[in-house]
Amino acid sequence: MQIGFYAGSFDPFTNGHLHVIEKSAKLFDKLIVGIGVHPKKARRFDTNLMKKTMEQVLNRKGLKNVTVICYDNLSVDIATNYHATFLVRGIRNGMDYEYEENLASINEEIAGIDTVYIRAGKLGNISSSMVMELLNYNKDVSKYLPEEVLELVKK
């Protein structure tokens, strides 16, 4: 069984993240999406609330082979615990690739797990930080977020 592990802060979960999940769900028998807690980043949205909201989006999209978890450890260790055969990472641009390639090398050395990159394509301009900045200036972000997440961030 091929199991992918896609880690991120998903703070908030964007259509770019959803794009990576939809593509990955077609590649793997099972995809685990891990909401990680980054020790150097303060979260804007409660992890469990974002998990619930993401599950609503994935359910609406019919992505039955995708499971969302929360964790506060190294992504590669959690992926190993879930018997992941590949790590999944979204790539928006060349800068992302360089950063992700360094992580992939370390993860492969630590756990022997290879990384698969999914191109963001037309959604490459979307980032959680960009969405939050636009929200702070009362700009419309409806095209960047799934409807369930949009409802959450507007609260």
C-alpha atoms as a PDB file:
ATOM      1  CA  MET A   1       0.000   0.000   0.000  1.00  0.00           C
ATOM      2  CA  GLN A   2       1.346   3.414  -0.991  1.00  0.00           C
ATOM      3  CA  ILE A   3       0.854   5.986   1.779  1.00  0.00           C
ATOM      4  CA  GLY A   4       1.620   9.675   1.345  1.00  0.00           C
ATOM      5  CA  PHE A   5       2.173  12.099   4.207  1.00  0.00           C
ATOM      6  CA  TYR A   6       1.518  15.810   3.547  1.00  0.00           C
ATOM      7  CA  ALA A   7       2.573  18.053   6.423  1.00  0.00           C
ATOM      8  CA  GLY A   8       1.923  21.738   6.953  1.00  0.00           C
ATOM      9  CA  SER A   9       0.657  24.314   9.395  1.00  0.00           C
ATOM     10  CA  PHE A  10      -2.468  24.929   7.275  1.00  0.00           C
ATOM     11  CA  ASP A  11      -3.003  28.198   9.138  1.00  0.00           C
ATOM     12  CA  PRO A  12      -5.330  28.710   7.324  1.00  0.00           C
ATOM     13  CA  PHE A  13      -5.978  25.879   4.877  1.00  0.00           C
ATOM     14  CA  THR A  14      -6.043  27.343   1.345  1.00  0.00           C
ATOM     15  CA  ASN A  15      -7.186  26.240  -2.097  1.00  0.00           C
ATOM     16  CA  GLY A  16      -3.491  25.748  -2.863  1.00  0.00           C
ATOM     17  CA  HIS A  17      -3.273  23.160  -0.081  1.00  0.00           C
ATOM     18  CA  LEU A  18      -6.481  21.573  -1.340  1.00  0.00           C
ATOM     19  CA  HIS A  19      -4.985  21.346  -4.849  1.00  0.00           C
ATOM     20  CA  VAL A  20      -1.975  19.425  -3.494  1.00  0.00           C
ATOM     21  CA  ILE A  21      -4.272  17.084  -1.548  1.00  0.00           C
ATOM     22  CA  GLU A  22      -6.547  16.405  -4.534  1.00  0.00           C
ATOM     23  CA  LYS A  23      -3.560  15.552  -6.757  1.00  0.00           C
ATOM     24  CA  SER A  24      -1.905  13.453  -4.043  1.00  0.00           C
ATOM     25  CA  ALA A  25      -5.093  11.538  -3.252  1.00  0.00           C
ATOM     26  CA  LYS A  26      -4.976  10.214  -6.834  1.00  0.00           C
ATOM     27  CA  LEU A  27      -1.369   9.050  -6.445  1.00  0.00           C
ATOM     28  CA  PHE A  28      -1.640   7.200  -3.144  1.00  0.00           C
ATOM     29  CA  ASP A  29      -3.858   4.514  -1.688  1.00  0.00           C
ATOM     30  CA  LYS A  30      -3.967   6.580   1.482  1.00  0.00           C
ATOM     31  CA  LEU A  31      -2.953  10.179   2.168  1.00  0.00           C
ATOM     32  CA  ILE A  32      -2.386  11.455   5.673  1.00  0.00           C
ATOM     33  CA  VAL A  33      -2.489  15.228   6.067  1.00  0.00           C
ATOM     34  CA  GLY A  34      -0.653  16.308   9.179  1.00  0.00           C
ATOM     35  CA  ILE A  35      -1.287  19.654  10.822  1.00  0.00           C
ATOM     36  CA  GLY A  36       2.012  20.338  12.513  1.00  0.00           C
ATOM     37  CA  VAL A  37       2.725  22.736  15.314  1.00  0.00           C
ATOM     38  CA  HIS A  38       5.754  24.864  14.443  1.00  0.00           C
ATOM     39  CA  PRO A  39       7.634  25.886  17.606  1.00  0.00           C
ATOM     40  CA  LYS A  40       8.651  29.256  16.126  1.00  0.00           C
ATOM     41  CA  LYS A  41       5.232  30.221  14.753  1.00  0.00           C
ATOM     42  CA  ALA A  42       2.202  31.382  16.687  1.00  0.00           C
ATOM     43  CA  ARG A  43      -0.973  29.847  15.288  1.00  0.00           C
ATOM     44  CA  ARG A  44      -3.770  32.120  14.118  1.00  0.00           C
ATOM     45  CA  PHE A  45      -6.417  29.383  14.250  1.00  0.00           C
ATOM     46  CA  ASP A  46      -6.960  26.584  16.740  1.00  0.00           C
ATOM     47  CA  THR A  47      -5.427  23.370  15.401  1.00  0.00           C
ATOM     48  CA  ASN A  48      -8.411  21.160  16.231  1.00  0.00           C
ATOM     49  CA  LEU A  49     -10.860  23.650  14.746  1.00  0.00           C
ATOM     50  CA  MET A  50      -8.807  23.815  11.527  1.00  0.00           C
ATOM     51  CA  LYS A  51      -8.660  19.989  11.457  1.00  0.00           C
ATOM     52  CA  LYS A  52     -12.454  19.782  11.721  1.00  0.00           C
ATOM     53  CA  THR A  53     -12.878  22.413   9.009  1.00  0.00           C
ATOM     54  CA  MET A  54     -10.414  20.650   6.702  1.00  0.00           C
ATOM     55  CA  GLU A  55     -12.292  17.375   7.207  1.00  0.00           C
ATOM     56  CA  GLN A  56     -15.514  19.110   6.162  1.00  0.00           C
ATOM     57  CA  VAL A  57     -13.832  20.327   2.952  1.00  0.00           C
ATOM     58  CA  LEU A  58     -12.365  16.897   2.188  1.00  0.00           C
ATOM     59  CA  ASN A  59     -15.700  15.211   2.867  1.00  0.00           C
ATOM     60  CA  ARG A  60     -17.494  17.628   0.515  1.00  0.00           C
ATOM     61  CA  LYS A  61     -14.875  16.853  -2.148  1.00  0.00           C
ATOM     62  CA  GLY A  62     -15.366  13.105  -1.671  1.00  0.00           C
ATOM     63  CA  LEU A  63     -11.743  12.452  -0.749  1.00  0.00           C
ATOM     64  CA  LYS A  64     -12.322   9.221   1.170  1.00  0.00           C
ATOM     65  CA  ASN A  65      -8.690   8.098   1.232  1.00  0.00           C
ATOM     66  CA  VAL A  66      -7.488  11.236   3.060  1.00  0.00           C
ATOM     67  CA  THR A  67      -7.128  11.452   6.847  1.00  0.00           C
ATOM     68  CA  VAL A  68      -6.247  14.598   8.805  1.00  0.00           C
ATOM     69  CA  ILE A  69      -4.196  14.388  11.999  1.00  0.00           C
ATOM     70  CA  CYS A  70      -2.569  16.891  14.377  1.00  0.00           C
ATOM     71  CA  TYR A  71       0.956  16.435  15.720  1.00  0.00           C
ATOM     72  CA  ASP A  72       3.780  18.253  17.474  1.00  0.00           C
ATOM     73  CA  ASN A  73       6.834  16.241  16.486  1.00  0.00           C
ATOM     74  CA  LEU A  74       9.149  16.050  13.492  1.00  0.00           C
ATOM     75  CA  SER A  75       7.098  15.445  10.367  1.00  0.00           C
ATOM     76  CA  VAL A  76       9.363  12.638   9.215  1.00  0.00           C
ATOM     77  CA  ASP A  77       8.939  10.839  12.560  1.00  0.00           C
ATOM     78  CA  ILE A  78       5.144  11.057  12.365  1.00  0.00           C
ATOM     79  CA  ALA A  79       5.237   9.926   8.736  1.00  0.00           C
ATOM     80  CA  THR A  80       7.303   6.910   9.797  1.00  0.00           C
ATOM     81  CA  ASN A  81       4.844   6.127  12.607  1.00  0.00           C
ATOM     82  CA  TYR A  82       2.041   6.057  10.005  1.00  0.00           C
ATOM     83  CA  HIS A  83       4.129   3.853   7.660  1.00  0.00           C
ATOM     84  CA  ALA A  84       4.212   6.534   4.963  1.00  0.00           C
ATOM     85  CA  THR A  85       6.037   5.501   1.821  1.00  0.00           C
ATOM     86  CA  PHE A  86       6.445   9.090   0.579  1.00  0.00           C
ATOM     87  CA  LEU A  87       6.385  12.610   1.937  1.00  0.00           C
ATOM     88  CA  VAL A  88       4.314  15.039  -0.140  1.00  0.00           C
ATOM     89  CA  ARG A  89       5.253  18.679  -0.576  1.00  0.00           C
ATOM     90  CA  GLY A  90       3.667  21.455  -2.605  1.00  0.00           C
ATOM     91  CA  ILE A  91       5.950  23.570  -4.774  1.00  0.00           C
ATOM     92  CA  ARG A  92       4.956  27.105  -5.784  1.00  0.00           C
ATOM     93  CA  ASN A  93       8.216  28.389  -7.241  1.00  0.00           C
ATOM     94  CA  GLY A  94      11.974  27.907  -7.467  1.00  0.00           C
ATOM     95  CA  MET A  95      12.556  29.222  -3.958  1.00  0.00           C
ATOM     96  CA  ASP A  96      10.167  26.586  -2.594  1.00  0.00           C
ATOM     97  CA  TYR A  97      12.022  23.908  -4.549  1.00  0.00           C
ATOM     98  CA  GLU A  98      15.418  24.826  -3.083  1.00  0.00           C
ATOM     99  CA  TYR A  99      14.044  24.884   0.454  1.00  0.00           C
ATOM    100  CA  GLU A 100      12.072  21.649   0.023  1.00  0.00           C
ATOM    101  CA  GLU A 101      14.968  19.843  -1.635  1.00  0.00           C
ATOM    102  CA  ASN A 102      17.159  20.530   1.407  1.00  0.00           C
ATOM    103  CA  LEU A 103      14.454  19.142   3.705  1.00  0.00           C
ATOM    104  CA  ALA A 104      13.920  16.142   1.437  1.00  0.00           C
ATOM    105  CA  SER A 105      17.604  15.256   1.600  1.00  0.00           C
ATOM    106  CA  ILE A 106      17.610  15.395   5.394  1.00  0.00           C
ATOM    107  CA  ASN A 107      14.370  13.425   5.679  1.00  0.00           C
ATOM    108  CA  GLU A 108      15.671  10.748   3.349  1.00  0.00           C
ATOM    109  CA  GLU A 109      18.856  10.496   5.399  1.00  0.00           C
ATOM    110  CA  ILE A 110      16.944  10.303   8.707  1.00  0.00           C
ATOM    111  CA  ALA A 111      14.158   7.924   7.729  1.00  0.00           C
ATOM    112  CA  GLY A 112      14.782   6.686   4.195  1.00  0.00           C
ATOM    113  CA  ILE A 113      11.525   8.265   2.995  1.00  0.00           C
ATOM    114  CA  ASP A 114      11.567   9.963  -0.389  1.00  0.00           C
ATOM    115  CA  THR A 115       9.647  13.152  -1.170  1.00  0.00           C
ATOM    116  CA  VAL A 116       7.179  13.747  -3.988  1.00  0.00           C
ATOM    117  CA  TYR A 117       6.592  17.324  -5.138  1.00  0.00           C
ATOM    118  CA  ILE A 118       3.223  18.500  -6.400  1.00  0.00           C
ATOM    119  CA  ARG A 119       3.279  21.680  -8.460  1.00  0.00           C
ATOM    120  CA  ALA A 120       0.875  24.371  -7.366  1.00  0.00           C
ATOM    121  CA  GLY A 121       0.323  25.426 -10.991  1.00  0.00           C
ATOM    122  CA  LYS A 122      -2.095  28.332 -11.306  1.00  0.00           C
ATOM    123  CA  LEU A 123      -2.452  28.402  -7.510  1.00  0.00           C
ATOM    124  CA  GLY A 124       1.242  29.128  -7.003  1.00  0.00           C
ATOM    125  CA  ASN A 125       0.597  32.663  -5.795  1.00  0.00           C
ATOM    126  CA  ILE A 126      -1.422  31.504  -2.778  1.00  0.00           C
ATOM    127  CA  SER A 127       0.107  31.272   0.680  1.00  0.00           C
ATOM    128  CA  SER A 128      -1.491  31.262   4.117  1.00  0.00           C
ATOM    129  CA  SER A 129       0.522  34.355   5.047  1.00  0.00           C
ATOM    130  CA  MET A 130      -0.656  36.222   1.955  1.00  0.00           C
ATOM    131  CA  VAL A 131      -4.274  35.317   2.689  1.00  0.00           C
ATOM    132  CA  MET A 132      -3.962  36.552   6.265  1.00  0.00           C
ATOM    133  CA  GLU A 133      -2.383  39.819   5.171  1.00  0.00           C
ATOM    134  CA  LEU A 134      -5.227  40.435   2.723  1.00  0.00           C
ATOM    135  CA  LEU A 135      -7.759  39.619   5.438  1.00  0.00           C
ATOM    136  CA  ASN A 136      -6.088  42.108   7.781  1.00  0.00           C
ATOM    137  CA  TYR A 137      -6.777  44.806   5.180  1.00  0.00           C
ATOM    138  CA  ASN A 138     -10.373  43.659   4.665  1.00  0.00           C
ATOM    139  CA  LYS A 139      -9.762  42.336   1.153  1.00  0.00           C
ATOM    140  CA  ASP A 140     -11.838  39.592  -0.455  1.00  0.00           C
ATOM    141  CA  VAL A 141     -10.061  36.239  -0.137  1.00  0.00           C
ATOM    142  CA  SER A 142     -12.959  34.030  -1.225  1.00  0.00           C
ATOM    143  CA  LYS A 143     -11.106  32.757  -4.304  1.00  0.00           C
ATOM    144  CA  TYR A 144      -8.167  31.605  -2.170  1.00  0.00           C
ATOM    145  CA  LEU A 145     -10.017  29.616   0.503  1.00  0.00           C
ATOM    146  CA  PRO A 146     -12.485  26.731   0.505  1.00  0.00           C
ATOM    147  CA  GLU A 147     -15.927  27.994   1.589  1.00  0.00           C
ATOM    148  CA  GLU A 148     -15.766  26.206   4.955  1.00  0.00           C
ATOM    149  CA  VAL A 149     -12.435  27.854   5.778  1.00  0.00           C
ATOM    150  CA  LEU A 150     -13.700  31.225   4.598  1.00  0.00           C
ATOM    151  CA  GLU A 151     -16.557  30.972   7.115  1.00  0.00           C
ATOM    152  CA  LEU A 152     -14.051  30.129   9.855  1.00  0.00           C
ATOM    153  CA  VAL A 153     -11.660  33.012   9.156  1.00  0.00           C
ATOM    154  CA  LYS A 154     -14.480  35.549   8.961  1.00  0.00           C
ATOM    155  CA  LYS A 155     -15.554  34.757  12.539  1.00  0.00           C
END
